[in-house]
Protein backbone atom coordinates (compact mmCIF):
# COMPACT_ATOMS: atom_id res chain seq x y z
CA UNK A 1 -19.81 33.94 35.51
CA UNK A 2 -19.22 30.26 34.75
CA UNK A 3 -17.41 29.25 31.59
CA UNK A 4 -18.52 26.23 29.60
CA UNK A 5 -15.15 24.55 29.16
CA UNK A 6 -11.68 25.00 30.72
CA UNK A 7 -8.92 26.34 28.45
CA UNK A 8 -6.72 24.11 26.34
CA UNK A 9 -4.72 23.90 23.10
CA UNK A 10 -6.62 24.19 19.84
CA UNK A 11 -4.31 21.65 18.23
CA UNK A 12 -5.93 18.94 16.05
CA UNK A 13 -6.29 15.61 17.86
CA UNK A 14 -3.86 13.84 15.49
CA UNK A 15 -1.16 16.41 16.30
CA UNK A 16 -1.87 16.16 20.03
CA UNK A 17 -1.33 12.40 19.77
CA UNK A 18 1.90 12.94 17.83
CA UNK A 19 3.25 15.45 20.37
CA UNK A 20 2.23 13.31 23.32
CA UNK A 21 3.75 10.13 21.95
CA UNK A 22 7.01 11.92 21.15
CA UNK A 23 7.46 13.21 24.71
CA UNK A 24 4.49 12.49 27.01
CA UNK A 25 6.00 13.94 30.16
CA UNK A 26 7.38 17.02 28.47
CA UNK A 27 4.01 17.57 26.81
CA UNK A 28 2.08 17.26 30.08
CA UNK A 29 4.53 19.55 31.89
CA UNK A 30 4.23 22.15 29.13
CA UNK A 31 0.43 22.28 28.90
CA UNK A 32 0.08 22.25 32.71
CA UNK A 33 2.43 25.21 32.93
CA UNK A 34 0.50 27.07 30.24
CA UNK A 35 -3.12 26.21 31.04
CA UNK A 36 -3.11 25.20 34.72
CA UNK A 37 -4.78 22.41 36.67
CA UNK A 38 -7.80 21.82 34.46
CA UNK A 39 -7.34 21.51 30.70
CA UNK A 40 -9.62 20.67 27.78
CA UNK A 41 -8.41 18.59 24.85
CA UNK A 42 -10.72 18.04 21.92
CA UNK A 43 -10.84 14.63 20.30
CA UNK A 44 -13.24 15.15 17.43
CA UNK A 45 -16.39 16.74 18.83
CA UNK A 46 -15.99 15.22 22.30
CA UNK A 47 -14.30 17.41 24.94
CA UNK A 48 -11.98 15.57 27.33
CA UNK A 49 -11.16 17.50 30.49
CA UNK A 50 -7.96 16.58 32.34
CA UNK A 51 -7.80 17.56 36.02
CA UNK A 52 -4.66 17.61 38.17
CA UNK A 53 -5.91 19.79 41.03
CA UNK A 54 -6.58 17.66 44.16
CA UNK A 55 -9.80 19.53 44.94
CA UNK A 56 -11.02 18.98 41.38
CA UNK A 57 -10.10 15.29 41.55
CA UNK A 58 -12.04 15.01 44.81
CA UNK A 59 -15.07 16.57 43.12
CA UNK A 60 -14.86 13.95 40.36
CA UNK A 61 -14.38 10.93 42.63
CA UNK A 62 -17.06 11.85 45.16
CA UNK A 63 -19.78 12.89 42.70
CA UNK A 64 -21.58 9.77 41.57
CA UNK A 65 -24.84 11.56 40.78
CA UNK A 66 -23.83 13.70 37.80
CA UNK A 67 -20.64 11.79 36.95
CA UNK A 68 -20.44 8.06 36.18
CA UNK A 69 -17.44 5.74 36.02
CA UNK A 70 -18.92 4.23 32.88
CA UNK A 71 -17.64 0.83 31.83
CA UNK A 72 -18.28 1.61 28.17
CA UNK A 73 -15.40 4.10 28.28
CA UNK A 74 -13.06 1.17 28.97
CA UNK A 75 -14.14 -0.93 26.00
CA UNK A 76 -10.75 -0.39 24.42
CA UNK A 77 -9.33 -2.77 27.04
CA UNK A 78 -11.90 -5.48 26.31
CA UNK A 79 -9.69 -7.08 23.65
CA UNK A 80 -7.41 -8.43 26.36
CA UNK A 81 -9.66 -8.34 29.45
CA UNK A 82 -12.88 -9.79 28.08
CA UNK A 83 -16.31 -8.20 27.82
CA UNK A 84 -17.29 -9.19 31.36
CA UNK A 85 -14.12 -8.06 33.10
CA UNK A 86 -14.45 -5.69 36.04
CA UNK A 87 -13.30 -2.73 33.90
CA UNK A 88 -16.24 -3.10 31.55
CA UNK A 89 -19.00 -3.53 34.14
CA UNK A 90 -21.23 -0.82 35.59
CA UNK A 91 -23.52 -0.21 38.53
CA UNK A 92 -24.49 -3.04 40.85
CA UNK A 93 -22.66 -5.69 38.79
CA UNK A 94 -19.41 -3.71 38.92
CA UNK A 95 -19.70 -3.10 42.66
CA UNK A 96 -20.55 -6.74 43.33
CA UNK A 97 -17.68 -8.15 41.23
CA UNK A 98 -15.17 -5.79 42.85
CA UNK A 99 -16.36 -7.02 46.24
CA UNK A 100 -15.71 -10.61 45.14
CA UNK A 101 -12.15 -9.81 44.06
CA UNK A 102 -11.12 -7.59 46.97
CA UNK A 103 -10.46 -10.13 49.80
CA UNK A 104 -7.53 -11.81 48.02
CA UNK A 105 -5.65 -8.50 47.88
CA UNK A 106 -6.22 -7.37 51.47
CA UNK A 107 -6.01 -8.44 55.11
CA UNK A 108 -5.28 -12.00 56.16
CA UNK A 109 -5.38 -13.35 52.60
CA UNK A 110 -2.73 -10.87 51.52
CA UNK A 111 -0.56 -11.65 54.54
CA UNK A 112 -0.75 -15.37 53.82
CA UNK A 113 1.15 -14.79 50.57
CA UNK A 114 3.99 -12.89 52.26
CA UNK A 115 6.50 -15.68 52.74
CA UNK A 116 5.75 -17.07 49.30
CA UNK A 117 6.60 -13.70 47.71
CA UNK A 118 9.95 -13.75 49.51
CA UNK A 119 10.62 -17.34 48.42
CA UNK A 120 9.79 -16.61 44.78
CA UNK A 121 12.09 -13.58 44.87
CA UNK A 122 14.94 -15.75 46.21
CA UNK A 123 14.36 -18.34 43.53
CA UNK A 124 14.48 -15.84 40.67
CA UNK A 125 17.36 -13.64 41.84
CA UNK A 126 19.69 -16.43 42.95
CA UNK A 127 19.74 -17.72 39.36
CA UNK A 128 21.56 -14.58 38.26
CA UNK A 129 25.35 -14.91 38.04
CA UNK A 130 27.39 -12.61 40.27
CA UNK A 131 29.22 -9.90 38.34
CA UNK A 132 27.24 -10.41 35.13
CA UNK A 133 25.04 -7.46 34.08
CA UNK A 134 21.34 -8.12 33.58
CA UNK A 135 18.20 -6.10 32.92
CA UNK A 136 16.16 -5.61 36.07
CA UNK A 137 12.69 -5.24 34.56
CA UNK A 138 12.38 -8.79 33.12
CA UNK A 139 13.55 -10.22 36.46
CA UNK A 140 10.95 -8.20 38.32
CA UNK A 141 8.33 -9.30 35.78
CA UNK A 142 9.35 -12.93 36.32
CA UNK A 143 8.75 -12.50 40.05
CA UNK A 144 5.45 -10.65 39.76
CA UNK A 145 3.94 -12.93 37.12
CA UNK A 146 4.71 -15.95 39.32
CA UNK A 147 3.08 -14.24 42.29
CA UNK A 148 0.05 -13.18 40.25
CA UNK A 149 -0.53 -16.72 38.94
CA UNK A 150 -0.40 -18.17 42.44
CA UNK A 151 -2.61 -15.50 44.00
CA UNK A 152 -5.16 -15.31 41.18
CA UNK A 153 -5.17 -18.89 39.91
CA UNK A 154 -3.75 -20.93 42.77
CA UNK A 155 -1.56 -22.86 40.32
CA UNK A 156 1.69 -24.53 41.29
CA UNK A 157 4.51 -25.01 38.83
CA UNK A 158 3.74 -27.40 36.02
CA UNK A 159 2.86 -27.40 32.34
CA UNK A 160 -0.22 -25.19 32.64
CA UNK A 161 1.52 -22.83 35.06
CA UNK A 162 4.46 -22.46 32.68
CA UNK A 163 2.23 -21.96 29.63
CA UNK A 164 0.14 -19.32 31.42
CA UNK A 165 3.30 -17.54 32.56
CA UNK A 166 4.61 -17.57 28.98
CA UNK A 167 1.35 -16.31 27.47
CA UNK A 168 0.99 -13.45 29.95
CA UNK A 169 4.53 -12.27 29.27
CA UNK A 170 4.21 -12.61 25.49
CA UNK A 171 0.84 -10.84 25.41
CA UNK A 172 2.11 -7.95 27.50
CA UNK A 173 5.22 -7.65 25.33
CA UNK A 174 3.13 -7.66 22.15
CA UNK A 175 0.69 -5.04 23.49
CA UNK A 176 3.65 -2.73 24.08
CA UNK A 177 5.57 -3.61 20.92
CA UNK A 178 6.57 -0.78 18.55
CA UNK A 179 5.42 -2.88 15.58
CA UNK A 180 1.85 -2.99 16.90
CA UNK A 181 1.82 0.75 17.58
CA UNK A 182 3.14 1.51 14.09
CA UNK A 183 0.67 -0.89 12.48
CA UNK A 184 -2.28 0.64 14.32
CA UNK A 185 -1.46 4.03 12.76
CA UNK A 186 -1.43 2.62 9.22
CA UNK A 187 -4.60 2.49 7.07
CA UNK A 188 -5.01 -1.29 7.34
CA UNK A 189 -2.57 -1.97 10.17
CA UNK A 190 -5.27 -2.68 12.71
CA UNK A 191 -6.61 -5.63 10.77
CA UNK A 192 -5.87 -9.27 11.37
CA UNK A 193 -3.62 -10.66 8.64
CA UNK A 194 -2.72 -13.83 10.52
CA UNK A 195 -0.14 -14.69 13.15
CA UNK A 196 2.66 -12.95 11.27
CA UNK A 197 0.96 -9.55 11.47
CA UNK A 198 1.19 -7.48 14.71
CA UNK A 199 -2.57 -7.47 15.32
CA UNK A 200 -2.94 -11.08 14.23
CA UNK A 201 -0.25 -12.25 16.64
CA UNK A 202 -1.89 -10.40 19.52
CA UNK A 203 -5.24 -12.01 18.68
CA UNK A 204 -3.56 -15.41 18.54
CA UNK A 205 -2.08 -14.89 22.02
CA UNK A 206 -5.45 -13.69 23.28
CA UNK A 207 -7.16 -16.80 21.97
CA UNK A 208 -4.54 -19.08 23.52
CA UNK A 209 -4.78 -17.25 26.86
CA UNK A 210 -8.57 -17.27 26.93
CA UNK A 211 -8.71 -20.96 25.99
CA UNK A 212 -6.21 -21.91 28.70
CA UNK A 213 -8.09 -19.94 31.38
CA UNK A 214 -11.45 -21.32 30.26
CA UNK A 215 -10.13 -24.88 30.42
CA UNK A 216 -8.77 -24.29 33.93
CA UNK A 217 -12.10 -22.82 35.05
CA UNK A 218 -14.03 -25.81 33.69
CA UNK A 219 -11.70 -28.36 35.28
CA UNK A 220 -11.62 -26.60 38.64
CA UNK A 221 -15.42 -26.41 38.56
CA UNK A 222 -15.39 -30.20 38.91
CA UNK A 223 -13.07 -30.06 41.95
CA UNK A 224 -15.11 -27.95 44.36
CA UNK A 225 -14.12 -30.16 47.29
CA UNK A 226 -10.45 -29.19 46.91
CA UNK A 227 -10.69 -25.46 46.23
CA UNK A 228 -8.17 -23.11 47.83
CA UNK A 229 -8.15 -19.44 48.83
CA UNK A 230 -7.08 -18.07 45.44
CA UNK A 231 -9.31 -15.76 43.41
CA UNK A 232 -10.38 -18.49 40.97
CA UNK A 233 -11.59 -20.70 43.82
CA UNK A 234 -13.50 -17.80 45.35
CA UNK A 235 -15.22 -16.98 42.07
CA UNK A 236 -16.26 -20.59 41.48
CA UNK A 237 -18.08 -20.59 44.81
CA UNK A 238 -19.48 -17.07 44.48
CA UNK A 239 -23.03 -16.04 43.64
CA UNK A 240 -23.99 -13.05 41.54
CA UNK A 241 -26.27 -10.24 42.71
CA UNK A 242 -29.33 -12.41 41.90
CA UNK A 243 -28.02 -15.44 43.78
CA UNK A 244 -26.89 -17.41 40.72
CA UNK A 245 -23.46 -18.97 40.18
CA UNK A 246 -21.16 -17.08 37.83
CA UNK A 247 -20.82 -18.59 34.36
CA UNK A 248 -17.49 -19.99 33.23
CA UNK A 249 -17.12 -17.06 30.81
CA UNK A 250 -17.71 -14.54 33.60
CA UNK A 251 -15.15 -16.22 35.84
CA UNK A 252 -12.59 -16.31 33.03
CA UNK A 253 -13.03 -12.62 32.20
CA UNK A 254 -12.82 -11.59 35.85
CA UNK A 255 -9.44 -13.36 36.18
CA UNK A 256 -7.67 -11.56 33.36
CA UNK A 257 -7.44 -7.99 34.69
CA UNK A 258 -5.97 -9.05 38.07
CA UNK A 259 -3.45 -11.27 36.28
CA UNK A 260 -2.21 -8.49 34.01
CA UNK A 261 -2.34 -5.76 36.67
CA UNK A 262 -0.49 -7.78 39.28
CA UNK A 263 2.21 -8.53 36.71
CA UNK A 264 2.58 -5.30 34.74
CA UNK A 265 2.16 -2.50 37.27
CA UNK A 266 4.09 -4.24 40.04
CA UNK A 267 7.07 -5.19 37.86
CA UNK A 268 7.33 -1.62 36.55
CA UNK A 269 7.18 -0.11 40.03
CA UNK A 270 9.83 -2.54 41.24
CA UNK A 271 12.17 -1.80 38.34
CA UNK A 272 11.90 1.95 39.00
CA UNK A 273 12.49 1.37 42.72
CA UNK A 274 15.66 -0.60 42.04
CA UNK A 275 16.87 2.24 39.87
CA UNK A 276 16.23 5.03 42.39
CA UNK A 277 17.59 3.07 45.36
CA UNK A 278 20.87 2.31 43.62
CA UNK A 279 21.23 5.71 41.99
CA UNK A 280 21.38 7.37 45.40
CA UNK A 281 23.71 5.59 47.87
CA UNK A 282 22.31 7.53 50.84
CA UNK A 283 18.85 6.14 50.08
CA UNK A 284 20.20 2.60 49.80
CA UNK A 285 22.23 2.91 53.01
CA UNK A 286 19.34 4.27 55.04
CA UNK A 287 17.06 1.58 53.67
CA UNK A 288 19.52 -1.18 54.50
CA UNK A 289 19.94 0.15 58.01
CA UNK A 290 16.18 0.06 58.53
CA UNK A 291 15.83 -3.46 57.13
CA UNK A 292 18.77 -4.69 59.24
CA UNK A 293 17.11 -3.28 62.36
CA UNK A 294 14.58 -6.11 62.12
CA UNK A 295 17.32 -8.65 62.87
CA UNK A 296 17.23 -12.23 61.64
CA UNK A 297 13.48 -12.75 61.89
CA UNK A 298 12.24 -10.50 59.11
CA UNK A 299 8.62 -11.55 58.96
CA UNK A 300 6.56 -10.06 56.08
CA UNK A 301 4.31 -7.84 58.18
CA UNK A 302 7.29 -6.28 59.98
CA UNK A 303 8.83 -5.48 56.60
CA UNK A 304 5.51 -4.06 55.37
CA UNK A 305 5.40 -1.67 58.34
CA UNK A 306 8.90 -0.18 57.83
CA UNK A 307 8.41 3.62 57.44
CA UNK A 308 11.41 4.48 55.24
CA UNK A 309 10.78 1.51 52.95
CA UNK A 310 7.20 2.74 52.59
CA UNK A 311 8.47 6.23 51.80
CA UNK A 312 10.85 4.91 49.12
CA UNK A 313 8.09 2.90 47.44
CA UNK A 314 5.69 5.87 47.57
CA UNK A 315 8.26 8.23 46.08
CA UNK A 316 8.98 5.79 43.23
CA UNK A 317 5.23 5.61 42.57
CA UNK A 318 4.90 9.39 42.78
CA UNK A 319 7.48 10.24 40.14
CA UNK A 320 6.30 7.59 37.67
CA UNK A 321 2.90 6.26 38.79
CA UNK A 322 1.82 2.78 37.76
CA UNK A 323 -0.92 4.54 35.80
CA UNK A 324 -0.46 8.10 34.56
CA UNK A 325 -4.19 8.82 34.34
CA UNK A 326 -7.32 7.69 36.12
CA UNK A 327 -9.84 5.68 34.18
CA UNK A 328 -12.21 8.08 32.41
CA UNK A 329 -15.49 9.33 33.84
CA UNK A 330 -18.54 10.54 31.92
CA UNK A 331 -20.60 13.63 32.74
CA UNK A 332 -24.20 12.38 32.74
CA UNK A 333 -25.90 15.67 33.67
CA UNK A 334 -24.60 19.25 33.91
CA UNK A 335 -22.03 19.53 36.70
CA UNK A 336 -19.66 22.13 38.10
CA UNK A 337 -16.00 21.14 38.43
CA UNK A 338 -13.53 23.75 39.71
CA UNK A 339 -15.92 26.55 38.73
CA UNK A 340 -16.54 25.28 35.20
CA UNK A 341 -19.95 24.12 34.05
CA UNK A 342 -19.55 20.90 32.10
CA UNK A 343 -22.24 19.51 29.84
CA UNK A 344 -23.39 15.88 29.52
CA UNK A 345 -21.10 13.84 27.27
CA UNK A 346 -17.91 15.50 28.54
CA UNK A 347 -15.15 13.04 29.48
CA UNK A 348 -13.29 13.63 32.76
CA UNK A 349 -9.83 12.19 33.46
CA UNK A 350 -7.63 12.68 36.50
CA UNK A 351 -4.06 13.49 35.45
CA UNK A 352 -2.16 11.54 38.11
CA UNK A 353 1.29 12.37 36.77
CA UNK A 354 0.68 16.13 36.82
CA UNK A 355 -0.90 15.97 40.28
CA UNK A 356 2.26 14.30 41.54
CA UNK A 357 4.31 17.10 39.95
CA UNK A 358 2.59 19.94 41.86
CA UNK A 359 5.34 22.06 43.40
CA UNK A 360 3.09 23.28 46.22
CA UNK A 361 2.52 19.65 47.25
CA UNK A 362 5.92 18.23 46.31
CA UNK A 363 8.75 20.81 46.35
CA UNK A 364 11.38 19.97 43.72
CA UNK A 365 9.03 17.40 42.16
CA UNK A 366 11.60 16.05 39.70
CA UNK A 367 13.90 15.04 42.56
CA UNK A 368 13.70 11.64 44.27
CA UNK A 369 13.10 12.55 47.93
CA UNK A 370 11.48 9.75 49.97
CA UNK A 371 11.70 11.91 53.10
CA UNK A 372 8.73 13.98 51.91
CA UNK A 373 6.48 11.01 52.78
CA UNK A 374 7.87 10.91 56.32
CA UNK A 375 7.14 14.59 56.85
CA UNK A 376 3.60 14.72 55.48
CA UNK A 377 0.63 12.44 55.02
CA UNK A 378 -0.97 13.06 51.65
CA UNK A 379 -4.68 12.76 50.92
CA UNK A 380 -5.96 10.21 48.35
CA UNK A 381 -6.54 13.16 46.01
CA UNK A 382 -2.93 14.39 46.31
CA UNK A 383 -1.21 11.00 46.06
CA UNK A 384 -3.08 8.49 43.91
CA UNK A 385 -0.70 6.13 42.10
CA UNK A 386 -3.43 3.51 41.72
CA UNK A 387 -6.23 5.85 40.70
CA UNK A 388 -9.21 6.48 42.93
CA UNK A 389 -12.92 6.31 43.52
CA UNK A 390 -14.95 3.36 42.27
CA UNK A 391 -12.33 2.56 39.61
CA UNK A 392 -9.35 2.49 41.94
CA UNK A 393 -7.04 -0.45 41.28
CA UNK A 394 -8.24 -3.40 43.37
CA UNK A 395 -4.70 -4.67 43.88
CA UNK A 396 -3.08 -1.39 44.96
CA UNK A 397 -2.52 -2.43 48.57
CA UNK A 398 -1.22 -5.82 47.48
CA UNK A 399 1.13 -4.16 44.98
CA UNK A 400 2.70 -2.11 47.78
CA UNK A 401 2.93 -5.21 49.97
CA UNK A 402 4.65 -7.10 47.17
CA UNK A 403 7.00 -4.20 46.35
CA UNK A 404 8.23 -3.97 49.92
CA UNK A 405 8.82 -7.69 50.34
CA UNK A 406 10.61 -8.09 47.01
CA UNK A 407 12.87 -5.07 47.63
CA UNK A 408 13.67 -6.07 51.22
CA UNK A 409 14.45 -9.63 50.14
CA UNK A 410 16.83 -8.52 47.40
CA UNK A 411 18.53 -5.72 49.32
CA UNK A 412 19.09 -7.71 52.50
CA UNK A 413 20.86 -10.53 50.66
CA UNK A 414 22.57 -9.05 47.60
CA UNK A 415 24.83 -6.11 46.84
CA UNK A 416 23.62 -4.58 43.59
CA UNK A 417 24.86 -1.67 41.52
CA UNK A 418 23.74 0.10 38.37
CA UNK A 419 25.74 -0.71 35.24
CA UNK A 420 25.52 2.85 33.91
CA UNK A 421 25.58 6.27 35.59
CA UNK A 422 23.33 7.74 32.90
CA UNK A 423 19.83 8.70 34.08
CA UNK A 424 17.08 6.21 33.34
CA UNK A 425 14.48 7.67 31.00
CA UNK A 426 10.77 6.85 31.10
CA UNK A 427 9.02 5.23 28.16
CA UNK A 428 5.25 5.53 28.03
CA UNK A 429 3.14 2.53 27.07
CA UNK A 430 -0.62 2.30 27.51
CA UNK A 431 -1.28 3.69 30.99
CA UNK A 432 2.17 3.03 32.44
CA UNK A 433 5.63 4.61 32.18
CA UNK A 434 8.33 1.97 31.87
CA UNK A 435 12.08 2.48 32.38
CA UNK A 436 13.39 2.79 28.81
CA UNK A 437 16.48 0.59 29.27
CA UNK A 438 14.79 -1.78 31.71
CA UNK A 439 17.32 -0.77 34.45
CA UNK A 440 20.65 -2.51 33.86
CA UNK A 441 22.21 -3.80 37.09
CA UNK A 442 24.64 -6.41 38.32
CA UNK A 443 25.14 -8.31 41.57
CA UNK A 444 28.51 -7.49 43.10
CA UNK A 445 28.18 -10.22 45.70
CA UNK A 446 26.23 -11.62 48.60
CA UNK A 447 25.61 -9.15 51.40
CA UNK A 448 26.71 -9.85 54.95
CA UNK A 449 24.86 -8.11 57.75
CA UNK A 450 26.53 -7.32 61.05
CA UNK A 451 26.61 -10.36 63.26
CA UNK A 452 25.78 -12.75 60.42
CA UNK A 453 28.26 -15.37 59.24
CA UNK A 454 29.11 -15.86 55.59
CA UNK A 455 28.02 -19.50 55.88
CA UNK A 456 24.53 -18.53 57.00
CA UNK A 457 24.21 -16.12 54.06
CA UNK A 458 25.19 -18.74 51.53
CA UNK A 459 22.90 -21.28 53.17
CA UNK A 460 19.94 -18.90 53.07
CA UNK A 461 20.38 -18.26 49.36
């Protein structure tokens, strides 16, 4: 006999939020251990069902008849992504806009950015003094925001490039700031009291960012003869599903999500990767040996194809995925998921973190073991760091490409070490788990590969 809803804690929603915010990973581990792979949490009168079983996740992703990836469930992101961003769209418009954005993050377009990613990485890292500790996350963010601006906007360094880079970093920092989180939990904390209030400052940054992007869209609209292969250029030439040009507002809103995603998720994944690689010398040594096997001509696609480097990146994304949950789905008509009959109005969310912690899939799941990805090929329902289905992150493949090139560039040229032996703790913010300390490292010196002269190393840096 089918049950209406899966089991779950009867805790009030405010207490669930309190427990989760205090220790998100401990909370998820505890309720998964108690209730299993499919859990119901009640937020008011709306049941939200979290699924971490791969078969259940497959049922959600492949059922588009009774379950919709409704854009209205993502309206909470509209403050910073615009009302016409790809997250907020549905149906044919959503599918069409995703199709417009995809080429820049795949295939030949992606490959064309390879050398530039390596060059940007050189430029950022070589500015760091040898022997002086620094925080890895901001450096990785500096690299990824530069890459995202060039890929999405096609901008070269200059006043507008620098202002956009500054606004993206400030907006992301403010969205994750403790002051904003505290204010949002106060009776009037979510209101705009001007630039000196947490919400007011975020709205100010949003306005500045939107105005800058809108101005760039309008100016580039007048330069159609000199458009490039960046996403903005593609959108200016694109037609909608009815054959009409996209409006300036539509183009602006479609740019914002790729800009933030390419910056935020990639920088976090890179910071975690630096931590794991340098916490375990045997991982670093094996990785260096594989990178060195390419010789002097380390072209981007050869780096991208390295199996152990791929395994290291995948394992970093497994332990702390770039998003802990899939974007929510809505049950539109009665549907069966893992033997449970769910009514219309039920929210479905894939619990990526808990899926990646399954001991039957990943023995010793808390341990960093890249070798597991050399021994087994996981399905997209077992390993899904970028989500899945129609709401899968558009830039997932590009993020992996960027991760590998940045890591190979740094490791092949610099000897790094962690400043502290203490384990790095995760800090949850929005959809992503950030390294709490930002990963403190230092450069011990320039690295010399076998058969390479010191002069050639210095010259290449």
